[in-house]
Amino acid sequence: QAARSTRTIVIAGVPAGLLQDEVMADILTIHFQMSRNNGGDVEEVTYPTRKRGVAYITFEDQEVVESVLKKDQHLLQDKRLPRHYPLTVTRYCDNVSSSLIDLIML
């Protein structure tokens, strides 16, 4: 489990309610697999979560987490979305308090 959490990132700013959850999970998978987004092989996408607009992405390789975090800005874009959505990408850690996520969502 510890190794898994080091391969996971938290995505805030996912446009909620626009598309079906499975479609949004697919769009997120595609975004984070693209090399232009510093991405790599995605093991799992957790969406929706208990927090509106938040998803968790687990990569097969921890190195991908580092490169994704280095990218200045992640813009979620897909022909099924009405516009581009800026995403906030942070490292997952078990003790991220919900108040921090609330702060990001403001």
Protein backbone atom coordinates (compact mmCIF):
# COMPACT_ATOMS: atom_id res chain seq x y z
CA GLN A 1 0.00 0.00 0.00
CA ALA A 2 2.82 2.42 0.78
CA ALA A 3 4.36 1.85 -2.64
CA ARG A 4 0.98 2.41 -4.25
CA SER A 5 0.50 5.79 -2.59
CA THR A 6 3.86 6.99 -3.93
CA ARG A 7 2.55 6.27 -7.43
CA THR A 8 -0.67 8.23 -6.93
CA ILE A 9 -1.50 11.88 -7.61
CA VAL A 10 -4.51 13.96 -6.63
CA ILE A 11 -6.26 15.96 -9.33
CA ALA A 12 -8.47 18.90 -8.35
CA GLY A 13 -10.52 21.00 -10.74
CA VAL A 14 -12.09 18.11 -12.67
CA PRO A 15 -15.25 19.52 -14.28
CA ALA A 16 -17.97 17.65 -12.40
CA GLY A 17 -21.42 16.98 -13.79
CA LEU A 18 -20.61 17.70 -17.45
CA LEU A 19 -20.17 14.14 -18.63
CA GLN A 20 -20.81 10.65 -17.33
CA ASP A 21 -18.29 9.60 -14.68
CA GLU A 22 -16.88 6.79 -16.84
CA VAL A 23 -16.33 9.21 -19.74
CA MET A 24 -14.55 11.70 -17.47
CA ALA A 25 -12.37 8.90 -16.07
CA ASP A 26 -11.44 7.98 -19.66
CA ILE A 27 -10.57 11.59 -20.50
CA LEU A 28 -8.37 11.79 -17.39
CA THR A 29 -6.66 8.51 -18.29
CA ILE A 30 -5.90 9.75 -21.80
CA HIS A 31 -4.61 13.11 -20.50
CA PHE A 32 -2.20 11.52 -18.01
CA GLN A 33 -0.95 8.91 -20.49
CA MET A 34 0.12 11.52 -23.06
CA SER A 35 3.83 12.22 -23.29
CA ARG A 36 3.15 15.93 -23.90
CA ASN A 37 1.65 16.02 -20.38
CA ASN A 38 4.75 14.23 -19.02
CA GLY A 39 2.47 11.24 -18.48
CA GLY A 40 2.88 7.50 -18.61
CA ASP A 41 1.07 4.23 -18.07
CA VAL A 42 -1.96 4.73 -15.83
CA GLU A 43 -2.77 1.82 -13.54
CA GLU A 44 -6.02 3.17 -12.12
CA VAL A 45 -8.25 6.24 -12.11
CA THR A 46 -10.50 6.81 -9.11
CA TYR A 47 -13.35 9.07 -10.14
CA PRO A 48 -15.73 10.19 -8.84
CA THR A 49 -14.50 10.53 -5.26
CA ARG A 50 -16.19 11.88 -2.15
CA LYS A 51 -14.89 15.34 -3.02
CA ARG A 52 -16.60 16.97 -6.00
CA GLY A 53 -14.17 17.65 -8.83
CA VAL A 54 -11.37 15.53 -7.36
CA ALA A 55 -9.85 12.40 -8.90
CA TYR A 56 -6.97 10.09 -7.99
CA ILE A 57 -4.63 8.72 -10.64
CA THR A 58 -2.28 5.83 -9.90
CA PHE A 59 0.58 5.26 -12.33
CA GLU A 60 2.46 2.02 -12.92
CA ASP A 61 5.77 3.85 -12.38
CA GLN A 62 6.69 6.28 -9.61
CA GLU A 63 8.93 8.18 -12.04
CA VAL A 64 5.85 9.24 -13.97
CA VAL A 65 4.49 10.93 -10.83
CA GLU A 66 7.64 13.04 -10.62
CA SER A 67 7.48 14.10 -14.27
CA VAL A 68 3.74 14.88 -14.13
CA LEU A 69 4.31 17.07 -11.07
CA LYS A 70 7.09 18.96 -12.90
CA LYS A 71 4.75 20.11 -15.67
CA ASP A 72 3.79 23.73 -15.05
CA GLN A 73 0.15 23.53 -16.00
CA HIS A 74 -2.20 20.71 -16.84
CA LEU A 75 -5.07 21.74 -19.10
CA LEU A 76 -7.74 19.10 -19.50
CA GLN A 77 -8.94 19.22 -23.09
CA ASP A 78 -11.10 16.85 -25.07
CA LYS A 79 -13.54 17.29 -27.91
CA ARG A 80 -16.32 16.18 -25.55
CA LEU A 81 -15.59 19.10 -23.19
CA PRO A 82 -16.92 22.61 -23.92
CA ARG A 83 -13.60 24.26 -23.03
CA HIS A 84 -10.17 23.62 -21.50
CA TYR A 85 -10.05 23.08 -17.75
CA PRO A 86 -6.96 23.87 -15.65
CA LEU A 87 -6.19 21.07 -13.21
CA THR A 88 -4.38 21.25 -9.89
CA VAL A 89 -2.07 18.26 -9.60
CA THR A 90 -0.57 17.35 -6.22
CA ARG A 91 1.24 14.41 -4.72
CA TYR A 92 -1.01 11.98 -2.85
CA CYS A 93 -0.33 11.41 0.79
CA ASP A 94 -2.42 9.65 3.37
CA ASN A 95 -2.44 12.57 5.75
CA VAL A 96 -3.69 15.19 3.29
CA SER A 97 -6.38 16.75 5.39
CA SER A 98 -9.74 17.39 3.87
CA SER A 99 -9.33 21.06 4.84
CA LEU A 100 -6.41 21.30 2.42
CA ILE A 101 -8.54 19.86 -0.38
CA ASP A 102 -11.30 22.34 0.61
CA LEU A 103 -8.74 25.12 0.33
CA ILE A 104 -7.70 23.99 -3.16
CA MET A 105 -11.34 23.95 -4.21
CA LEU A 106 -11.99 27.57 -3.21
